[in-house]
Every structure is written in C-alpha cells, then in structure tokens.
Amino acid sequence: MQYLVPARRPLDSAPFGLACPREDEFALCVLGVPSPYLDLILHTHTPQYDRYITLRDLDDVERAAWANTWCGFLNALTLKYQRRLVLKSPLHTCRLATILHVFPQARIVHVVRDPRAVVPSTMRLWEYLQRRQGLQRAYHGSWEDRVINMCAMMNEEFERTRHVLARVPHAIVRYEDFCREPLNTMTRIYDAIQLPHDNMWETRLRPWAERVLTLTPMRYDLSSHLTARIERTCADFMRTCG
C-alpha cells in the first residue's frame, strides 16, 4: 500500500511512510481499543473517550482490556524486531502509573515543549485530521478549548503521578534543548536512563544529529488572546520547565 501514502507528511513536510515510526496510540485505535483519538473520526459534540486519556477512571475490566491489547501489540513488535522498543505517545504522559504497573522495569523519557508551540500545532493537526479522516460532520466546537483543556489535564495528571518516576531510571528534557544540542541531549538521556553508549554509538548517531540541526520547526503567529490564555492555563508547567 506504500504507493497510496505520500512521501511527506501533509501538515509539515516531515518524512512519511508505512515504515516510519508512529504513535502506538494509533495501533490501539485500529485494534479496537477506545481512545480519545477516535473522537477525531467519530465525532460528537461531547467527547466520548476522555476516560482513556489518563485511564484513571476506567473500571478493572476496562483497564485490563486496554492493557491486554496494548501488551499484545508490543509482544508482536518484540517478536518481529527482537530489540528494545521505544514508544512515543503524548498520551503516555499521563499514564505513568499504569505503564509502570504493567512494565515495572521501563525507562521513561519525558520531553517537554513550550505550550505556545504545542497548542497551535495540535489545534492545526486535529482540525486537519478531523476534516480529512472524520466520518461524521465537521466539528463545530472550539479546537482552542479542546486542546488547551486536554493539555492542562495531561500536565496535572503528570504532576499528580510523577512520584512514581522515582522507581525507575528516567530523564526529563526540553524539546528546545533537543533541537539545539541533539547529540549532547541524547547522551544525557542515555546516562539518565542507564543505557550504555560508546564511541561507536556516537559515530552512528552523529549523522542523525546533524540532520536535526537542519530542521526548522514550524512557527505560529498566536493572537494575544490565545497567548495569554495558554500562559495563564499552563503557568505552573511553564514555570517548572523554565
């Protein structure tokens, strides 16, 4: 099916394809697990799947079904690739307790980014996905409200559960540092999560780091209203992360 897929991501021209890494949340959607991402496809005016953001309000049966499907997918990947899995999903930010219950030896890398970039980027992405992939009428609510409220919920849940990070090797890094010093930041991550690296590791990583330095993140012209709202809603998060 590769010929049906564009070589570049329509939103920002990043490389795209069936072999490119993607969030495991999309796989869960395909496997039939309720996900807040389904609200972009099967939209109603009231989000139906917000309980699956943090997983905290699921009952035992629902939480077990989610974990079993997730583990089945990860087991299939492990069988195929025979290597350590790196999972990247924004929603995992607020699922720390569940993740470490299922995988008590996991290593956690928490990447933070200025919400004045995250919010408009997410608004643009969700609006695009709903318009292109949605199976119901276009969303008539406020993307601004939806995205800001979800960001606030995720940040609050992370702070509420971050104490569980003390159990495992973990790193907290800024996206802006990643863009400015990719190799040094990656080295700090490996040291923090206690993974070995050597000179050959740096040699293999350097071409990737050089490509990162050539990338230009998209910039957004925010209205004074949206800027003020983000800074007010995310004030604690922005202050903590510098």
C-alpha atoms as a PDB file:
ATOM      1  CA  MET A   1       0.000   0.000   0.000  1.00  0.00           C
ATOM      2  CA  GLN A   2       3.025   2.295   0.056  1.00  0.00           C
ATOM      3  CA  TYR A   3       2.076   3.901  -3.269  1.00  0.00           C
ATOM      4  CA  LEU A   4      -1.069   5.258  -1.601  1.00  0.00           C
ATOM      5  CA  VAL A   5       0.924   7.062   1.091  1.00  0.00           C
ATOM      6  CA  PRO A   6       2.579  10.458   0.468  1.00  0.00           C
ATOM      7  CA  ALA A   7       6.343  10.654   0.908  1.00  0.00           C
ATOM      8  CA  ARG A   8       5.973  13.761   3.071  1.00  0.00           C
ATOM      9  CA  ARG A   9       3.563  14.427   5.901  1.00  0.00           C
ATOM     10  CA  PRO A  10       0.929  16.816   4.514  1.00  0.00           C
ATOM     11  CA  LEU A  11       0.989  19.076   7.569  1.00  0.00           C
ATOM     12  CA  ASP A  12       4.680  19.906   7.805  1.00  0.00           C
ATOM     13  CA  SER A  13       6.584  18.034   5.073  1.00  0.00           C
ATOM     14  CA  ALA A  14       8.305  15.686   7.543  1.00  0.00           C
ATOM     15  CA  PRO A  15       9.219  12.252   6.086  1.00  0.00           C
ATOM     16  CA  PHE A  16       6.200   9.983   5.932  1.00  0.00           C
ATOM     17  CA  GLY A  17       5.575   6.356   5.058  1.00  0.00           C
ATOM     18  CA  LEU A  18       4.415   2.971   6.278  1.00  0.00           C
ATOM     19  CA  ALA A  19       7.884   2.189   7.656  1.00  0.00           C
ATOM     20  CA  CYS A  20       8.206   5.422   9.652  1.00  0.00           C
ATOM     21  CA  PRO A  21       7.729   5.279  13.434  1.00  0.00           C
ATOM     22  CA  ARG A  22       4.279   6.267  14.660  1.00  0.00           C
ATOM     23  CA  GLU A  23       2.489   6.577  17.972  1.00  0.00           C
ATOM     24  CA  ASP A  24       1.322   3.269  19.413  1.00  0.00           C
ATOM     25  CA  GLU A  25      -2.000   5.003  20.210  1.00  0.00           C
ATOM     26  CA  PHE A  26      -2.937   4.752  16.519  1.00  0.00           C
ATOM     27  CA  ALA A  27      -2.333   0.999  16.616  1.00  0.00           C
ATOM     28  CA  LEU A  28      -4.638   0.721  19.636  1.00  0.00           C
ATOM     29  CA  CYS A  29      -7.358   2.541  17.680  1.00  0.00           C
ATOM     30  CA  VAL A  30      -7.018   0.076  14.814  1.00  0.00           C
ATOM     31  CA  LEU A  31      -7.135  -2.833  17.278  1.00  0.00           C
ATOM     32  CA  GLY A  32     -10.451  -1.609  18.651  1.00  0.00           C
ATOM     33  CA  VAL A  33      -9.383  -0.043  21.941  1.00  0.00           C
ATOM     34  CA  PRO A  34     -11.283   3.143  22.864  1.00  0.00           C
ATOM     35  CA  SER A  35      -9.034   6.175  22.500  1.00  0.00           C
ATOM     36  CA  PRO A  36      -9.532   9.947  22.575  1.00  0.00           C
ATOM     37  CA  TYR A  37      -8.157   9.928  19.024  1.00  0.00           C
ATOM     38  CA  LEU A  38     -11.386   8.244  17.936  1.00  0.00           C
ATOM     39  CA  ASP A  39     -13.184  11.493  18.731  1.00  0.00           C
ATOM     40  CA  LEU A  40     -11.450  12.929  15.653  1.00  0.00           C
ATOM     41  CA  ILE A  41     -13.035  10.249  13.474  1.00  0.00           C
ATOM     42  CA  LEU A  42     -16.387   9.512  15.097  1.00  0.00           C
ATOM     43  CA  HIS A  43     -17.076  12.972  16.405  1.00  0.00           C
ATOM     44  CA  THR A  44     -19.972  14.134  18.507  1.00  0.00           C
ATOM     45  CA  HIS A  45     -20.283  17.450  20.284  1.00  0.00           C
ATOM     46  CA  THR A  46     -19.397  15.761  23.577  1.00  0.00           C
ATOM     47  CA  PRO A  47     -16.091  13.801  23.574  1.00  0.00           C
ATOM     48  CA  GLN A  48     -16.812  10.128  24.225  1.00  0.00           C
ATOM     49  CA  TYR A  49     -13.410   8.756  25.152  1.00  0.00           C
ATOM     50  CA  ASP A  50     -11.797  11.202  27.582  1.00  0.00           C
ATOM     51  CA  ARG A  51     -11.649   8.483  30.251  1.00  0.00           C
ATOM     52  CA  TYR A  52      -8.987   6.842  28.115  1.00  0.00           C
ATOM     53  CA  ILE A  53      -6.655   9.829  28.377  1.00  0.00           C
ATOM     54  CA  THR A  54      -5.437   9.095  31.910  1.00  0.00           C
ATOM     55  CA  LEU A  55      -7.025   5.609  32.296  1.00  0.00           C
ATOM     56  CA  ARG A  56      -7.576   6.521  35.966  1.00  0.00           C
ATOM     57  CA  ASP A  57     -11.379   6.366  35.820  1.00  0.00           C
ATOM     58  CA  LEU A  58     -11.620   3.034  33.998  1.00  0.00           C
ATOM     59  CA  ASP A  59     -13.044   0.086  35.882  1.00  0.00           C
ATOM     60  CA  ASP A  60     -10.948  -3.054  36.340  1.00  0.00           C
ATOM     61  CA  VAL A  61     -12.389  -4.785  33.267  1.00  0.00           C
ATOM     62  CA  GLU A  62     -11.810  -1.775  31.006  1.00  0.00           C
ATOM     63  CA  ARG A  63      -8.284  -1.209  32.272  1.00  0.00           C
ATOM     64  CA  ALA A  64      -7.416  -4.907  31.837  1.00  0.00           C
ATOM     65  CA  ALA A  65      -8.779  -4.874  28.261  1.00  0.00           C
ATOM     66  CA  TRP A  66      -6.680  -1.805  27.445  1.00  0.00           C
ATOM     67  CA  ALA A  67      -3.519  -3.290  28.967  1.00  0.00           C
ATOM     68  CA  ASN A  68      -4.012  -6.706  27.342  1.00  0.00           C
ATOM     69  CA  THR A  69      -4.465  -5.242  23.859  1.00  0.00           C
ATOM     70  CA  TRP A  70      -1.511  -2.893  24.330  1.00  0.00           C
ATOM     71  CA  CYS A  71       0.739  -5.722  25.559  1.00  0.00           C
ATOM     72  CA  GLY A  72      -0.375  -7.985  22.725  1.00  0.00           C
ATOM     73  CA  PHE A  73       0.636  -5.342  20.202  1.00  0.00           C
ATOM     74  CA  LEU A  74       4.002  -4.768  21.917  1.00  0.00           C
ATOM     75  CA  ASN A  75       4.633  -8.518  22.105  1.00  0.00           C
ATOM     76  CA  ALA A  76       4.066  -8.750  18.348  1.00  0.00           C
ATOM     77  CA  LEU A  77       6.598  -5.958  17.752  1.00  0.00           C
ATOM     78  CA  THR A  78       9.117  -7.616  20.063  1.00  0.00           C
ATOM     79  CA  LEU A  79       8.713 -10.936  18.267  1.00  0.00           C
ATOM     80  CA  LYS A  80       9.210  -9.225  14.898  1.00  0.00           C
ATOM     81  CA  TYR A  81      12.170  -6.963  15.736  1.00  0.00           C
ATOM     82  CA  GLN A  82      13.870  -8.751  18.671  1.00  0.00           C
ATOM     83  CA  ARG A  83      15.024  -5.486  20.206  1.00  0.00           C
ATOM     84  CA  ARG A  84      14.145  -2.908  22.845  1.00  0.00           C
ATOM     85  CA  LEU A  85      11.009  -0.950  21.982  1.00  0.00           C
ATOM     86  CA  VAL A  86      10.878   2.836  22.127  1.00  0.00           C
ATOM     87  CA  LEU A  87       7.305   4.060  22.488  1.00  0.00           C
ATOM     88  CA  LYS A  88       6.444   7.673  21.767  1.00  0.00           C
ATOM     89  CA  SER A  89       2.949   8.874  22.536  1.00  0.00           C
ATOM     90  CA  PRO A  90       1.839  12.175  24.075  1.00  0.00           C
ATOM     91  CA  LEU A  91      -0.966  10.398  25.933  1.00  0.00           C
ATOM     92  CA  HIS A  92       1.524   8.263  27.851  1.00  0.00           C
ATOM     93  CA  THR A  93       2.472  11.485  29.654  1.00  0.00           C
ATOM     94  CA  CYS A  94      -0.496  10.987  31.960  1.00  0.00           C
ATOM     95  CA  ARG A  95      -0.426   7.171  32.168  1.00  0.00           C
ATOM     96  CA  LEU A  96       2.742   6.732  34.200  1.00  0.00           C
ATOM     97  CA  ALA A  97       1.162   4.708  36.990  1.00  0.00           C
ATOM     98  CA  THR A  98      -0.470   2.230  34.586  1.00  0.00           C
ATOM     99  CA  ILE A  99       2.631   1.919  32.396  1.00  0.00           C
ATOM    100  CA  LEU A 100       4.911   1.196  35.349  1.00  0.00           C
ATOM    101  CA  HIS A 101       2.401  -1.251  36.776  1.00  0.00           C
ATOM    102  CA  VAL A 102       2.465  -3.219  33.511  1.00  0.00           C
ATOM    103  CA  PHE A 103       6.205  -2.702  32.859  1.00  0.00           C
ATOM    104  CA  PRO A 104       7.921  -2.087  36.228  1.00  0.00           C
ATOM    105  CA  GLN A 105      11.366  -2.035  34.583  1.00  0.00           C
ATOM    106  CA  ALA A 106      10.508   0.523  31.907  1.00  0.00           C
ATOM    107  CA  ARG A 107      12.710   3.569  31.417  1.00  0.00           C
ATOM    108  CA  ILE A 108      10.927   6.882  30.992  1.00  0.00           C
ATOM    109  CA  VAL A 109      11.976   9.879  28.886  1.00  0.00           C
ATOM    110  CA  HIS A 110       9.681  12.853  29.376  1.00  0.00           C
ATOM    111  CA  VAL A 111      10.115  15.521  26.700  1.00  0.00           C
ATOM    112  CA  VAL A 112       8.592  18.917  27.463  1.00  0.00           C
ATOM    113  CA  ARG A 113       7.963  21.731  24.982  1.00  0.00           C
ATOM    114  CA  ASP A 114       6.763  25.312  25.153  1.00  0.00           C
ATOM    115  CA  PRO A 115       2.933  25.100  25.138  1.00  0.00           C
ATOM    116  CA  ARG A 116       2.826  28.240  22.976  1.00  0.00           C
ATOM    117  CA  ALA A 117       4.087  25.926  20.233  1.00  0.00           C
ATOM    118  CA  VAL A 118       2.316  22.738  21.316  1.00  0.00           C
ATOM    119  CA  VAL A 119      -1.198  24.188  21.459  1.00  0.00           C
ATOM    120  CA  PRO A 120      -1.378  25.798  17.972  1.00  0.00           C
ATOM    121  CA  SER A 121       0.413  22.801  16.455  1.00  0.00           C
ATOM    122  CA  THR A 122      -2.085  20.375  17.993  1.00  0.00           C
ATOM    123  CA  MET A 123      -5.040  22.542  17.013  1.00  0.00           C
ATOM    124  CA  ARG A 124      -3.831  22.527  13.413  1.00  0.00           C
ATOM    125  CA  LEU A 125      -3.232  18.768  13.443  1.00  0.00           C
ATOM    126  CA  TRP A 126      -6.587  17.831  14.947  1.00  0.00           C
ATOM    127  CA  GLU A 127      -8.531  20.127  12.675  1.00  0.00           C
ATOM    128  CA  TYR A 128      -6.730  18.641   9.679  1.00  0.00           C
ATOM    129  CA  LEU A 129      -7.297  15.035  10.787  1.00  0.00           C
ATOM    130  CA  GLN A 130     -10.958  15.602  11.553  1.00  0.00           C
ATOM    131  CA  ARG A 131     -11.543  17.270   8.195  1.00  0.00           C
ATOM    132  CA  ARG A 132      -9.675  14.575   6.214  1.00  0.00           C
ATOM    133  CA  GLN A 133     -10.368  11.436   8.260  1.00  0.00           C
ATOM    134  CA  GLY A 134     -13.604  12.186  10.076  1.00  0.00           C
ATOM    135  CA  LEU A 135     -16.623  10.002   9.301  1.00  0.00           C
ATOM    136  CA  GLN A 136     -19.176  12.447  10.669  1.00  0.00           C
ATOM    137  CA  ARG A 137     -19.949  16.120  10.221  1.00  0.00           C
ATOM    138  CA  ALA A 138     -17.186  18.631  10.826  1.00  0.00           C
ATOM    139  CA  TYR A 139     -16.518  19.669  14.398  1.00  0.00           C
ATOM    140  CA  HIS A 140     -18.316  22.882  15.309  1.00  0.00           C
ATOM    141  CA  GLY A 141     -16.859  23.254  18.792  1.00  0.00           C
ATOM    142  CA  SER A 142     -13.748  25.179  19.772  1.00  0.00           C
ATOM    143  CA  TRP A 143     -10.460  23.467  18.972  1.00  0.00           C
ATOM    144  CA  GLU A 144      -8.825  26.023  21.227  1.00  0.00           C
ATOM    145  CA  ASP A 145     -10.921  24.914  24.214  1.00  0.00           C
ATOM    146  CA  ARG A 146     -10.440  21.225  23.440  1.00  0.00           C
ATOM    147  CA  VAL A 147      -6.663  21.355  23.060  1.00  0.00           C
ATOM    148  CA  ILE A 148      -5.941  23.692  25.964  1.00  0.00           C
ATOM    149  CA  ASN A 149      -8.165  21.685  28.312  1.00  0.00           C
ATOM    150  CA  MET A 150      -6.503  18.421  27.311  1.00  0.00           C
ATOM    151  CA  CYS A 151      -3.010  19.905  27.732  1.00  0.00           C
ATOM    152  CA  ALA A 152      -3.949  21.138  31.182  1.00  0.00           C
ATOM    153  CA  MET A 153      -5.398  17.742  32.112  1.00  0.00           C
ATOM    154  CA  MET A 154      -2.265  15.913  30.949  1.00  0.00           C
ATOM    155  CA  ASN A 155       0.091  18.265  32.793  1.00  0.00           C
ATOM    156  CA  GLU A 156      -1.928  17.988  36.000  1.00  0.00           C
ATOM    157  CA  GLU A 157      -2.005  14.185  35.808  1.00  0.00           C
ATOM    158  CA  PHE A 158       1.731  14.035  35.175  1.00  0.00           C
ATOM    159  CA  GLU A 159       2.413  16.169  38.234  1.00  0.00           C
ATOM    160  CA  ARG A 160       0.000  14.069  40.301  1.00  0.00           C
ATOM    161  CA  THR A 161       1.764  10.821  39.402  1.00  0.00           C
ATOM    162  CA  ARG A 162       5.361  11.921  38.774  1.00  0.00           C
ATOM    163  CA  HIS A 163       6.434  10.470  42.131  1.00  0.00           C
ATOM    164  CA  VAL A 164       6.323   7.012  40.512  1.00  0.00           C
ATOM    165  CA  LEU A 165       9.325   8.029  38.385  1.00  0.00           C
ATOM    166  CA  ALA A 166      11.494   7.548  41.465  1.00  0.00           C
ATOM    167  CA  ARG A 167      11.092   3.790  40.932  1.00  0.00           C
ATOM    168  CA  VAL A 168      12.788   3.703  37.526  1.00  0.00           C
ATOM    169  CA  PRO A 169      15.609   5.340  35.551  1.00  0.00           C
ATOM    170  CA  HIS A 170      14.166   8.430  33.880  1.00  0.00           C
ATOM    171  CA  ALA A 171      15.082  11.663  32.121  1.00  0.00           C
ATOM    172  CA  ILE A 172      13.216  14.937  31.691  1.00  0.00           C
ATOM    173  CA  VAL A 173      14.461  17.041  28.778  1.00  0.00           C
ATOM    174  CA  ARG A 174      13.308  20.103  26.887  1.00  0.00           C
ATOM    175  CA  TYR A 175      12.438  19.818  23.212  1.00  0.00           C
ATOM    176  CA  GLU A 176      14.207  23.125  22.629  1.00  0.00           C
ATOM    177  CA  ASP A 177      17.458  21.657  24.006  1.00  0.00           C
ATOM    178  CA  PHE A 178      16.995  18.647  21.721  1.00  0.00           C
ATOM    179  CA  CYS A 179      16.809  20.912  18.680  1.00  0.00           C
ATOM    180  CA  ARG A 180      19.790  22.998  19.754  1.00  0.00           C
ATOM    181  CA  GLU A 181      22.114  20.225  21.003  1.00  0.00           C
ATOM    182  CA  PRO A 182      20.745  16.870  19.810  1.00  0.00           C
ATOM    183  CA  LEU A 183      23.870  14.789  20.440  1.00  0.00           C
ATOM    184  CA  ASN A 184      24.574  16.197  23.905  1.00  0.00           C
ATOM    185  CA  THR A 185      20.902  15.857  24.860  1.00  0.00           C
ATOM    186  CA  MET A 186      20.779  12.255  23.690  1.00  0.00           C
ATOM    187  CA  THR A 187      23.924  11.498  25.672  1.00  0.00           C
ATOM    188  CA  ARG A 188      22.327  12.972  28.796  1.00  0.00           C
ATOM    189  CA  ILE A 189      19.229  10.836  28.203  1.00  0.00           C
ATOM    190  CA  TYR A 190      21.243   7.629  27.855  1.00  0.00           C
ATOM    191  CA  ASP A 191      23.161   8.421  31.039  1.00  0.00           C
ATOM    192  CA  ALA A 192      19.989   9.245  32.964  1.00  0.00           C
ATOM    193  CA  ILE A 193      18.126   6.079  31.926  1.00  0.00           C
ATOM    194  CA  GLN A 194      21.261   3.987  32.423  1.00  0.00           C
ATOM    195  CA  LEU A 195      21.755   2.682  28.907  1.00  0.00           C
ATOM    196  CA  PRO A 196      25.352   2.078  27.789  1.00  0.00           C
ATOM    197  CA  HIS A 197      26.943   4.016  24.941  1.00  0.00           C
ATOM    198  CA  ASP A 198      30.409   4.145  23.452  1.00  0.00           C
ATOM    199  CA  ASN A 199      32.358   5.870  20.673  1.00  0.00           C
ATOM    200  CA  MET A 200      30.676   3.760  18.001  1.00  0.00           C
ATOM    201  CA  TRP A 201      27.288   4.829  19.360  1.00  0.00           C
ATOM    202  CA  GLU A 202      28.249   8.477  18.936  1.00  0.00           C
ATOM    203  CA  THR A 203      29.614   7.827  15.434  1.00  0.00           C
ATOM    204  CA  ARG A 204      26.335   6.234  14.354  1.00  0.00           C
ATOM    205  CA  LEU A 205      24.287   8.970  15.999  1.00  0.00           C
ATOM    206  CA  ARG A 206      26.174  11.952  14.624  1.00  0.00           C
ATOM    207  CA  PRO A 207      24.588  11.926  11.094  1.00  0.00           C
ATOM    208  CA  TRP A 208      21.148  11.933  12.731  1.00  0.00           C
ATOM    209  CA  ALA A 209      22.162  14.822  14.991  1.00  0.00           C
ATOM    210  CA  GLU A 210      23.403  16.803  12.003  1.00  0.00           C
ATOM    211  CA  ARG A 211      20.055  16.317  10.248  1.00  0.00           C
ATOM    212  CA  VAL A 212      18.201  17.504  13.342  1.00  0.00           C
ATOM    213  CA  LEU A 213      20.203  20.735  13.294  1.00  0.00           C
ATOM    214  CA  THR A 214      18.997  21.461   9.744  1.00  0.00           C
ATOM    215  CA  LEU A 215      15.302  21.094  10.597  1.00  0.00           C
ATOM    216  CA  THR A 216      13.265  24.258  11.097  1.00  0.00           C
ATOM    217  CA  PRO A 217      10.267  23.783  13.395  1.00  0.00           C
ATOM    218  CA  MET A 218       7.077  25.423  12.223  1.00  0.00           C
ATOM    219  CA  ARG A 219       6.344  28.813  13.741  1.00  0.00           C
ATOM    220  CA  TYR A 220       2.900  30.083  14.616  1.00  0.00           C
ATOM    221  CA  ASP A 221       1.537  33.628  14.868  1.00  0.00           C
ATOM    222  CA  LEU A 222      -0.561  33.484  18.004  1.00  0.00           C
ATOM    223  CA  SER A 223      -3.153  36.072  18.826  1.00  0.00           C
ATOM    224  CA  SER A 224      -2.643  37.996  22.047  1.00  0.00           C
ATOM    225  CA  HIS A 225      -5.808  36.316  23.379  1.00  0.00           C
ATOM    226  CA  LEU A 226      -4.530  32.777  22.724  1.00  0.00           C
ATOM    227  CA  THR A 227      -1.048  33.593  24.046  1.00  0.00           C
ATOM    228  CA  ALA A 228      -2.488  34.997  27.268  1.00  0.00           C
ATOM    229  CA  ARG A 229      -4.812  32.024  27.692  1.00  0.00           C
ATOM    230  CA  ILE A 230      -2.024  29.475  27.226  1.00  0.00           C
ATOM    231  CA  GLU A 231       0.283  31.323  29.594  1.00  0.00           C
ATOM    232  CA  ARG A 232      -2.475  31.545  32.197  1.00  0.00           C
ATOM    233  CA  THR A 233      -3.610  27.909  31.911  1.00  0.00           C
ATOM    234  CA  CYS A 234      -0.108  26.424  31.712  1.00  0.00           C
ATOM    235  CA  ALA A 235       1.618  28.850  34.090  1.00  0.00           C
ATOM    236  CA  ASP A 236       2.773  26.212  36.597  1.00  0.00           C
ATOM    237  CA  PHE A 237       4.028  23.900  33.839  1.00  0.00           C
ATOM    238  CA  MET A 238       5.920  26.725  32.075  1.00  0.00           C
ATOM    239  CA  ARG A 239       7.490  27.893  35.325  1.00  0.00           C
ATOM    240  CA  THR A 240       8.571  24.343  36.296  1.00  0.00           C
ATOM    241  CA  CYS A 241      10.104  23.656  32.879  1.00  0.00           C
ATOM    242  CA  GLY A 242      11.776  27.040  32.510  1.00  0.00           C
END
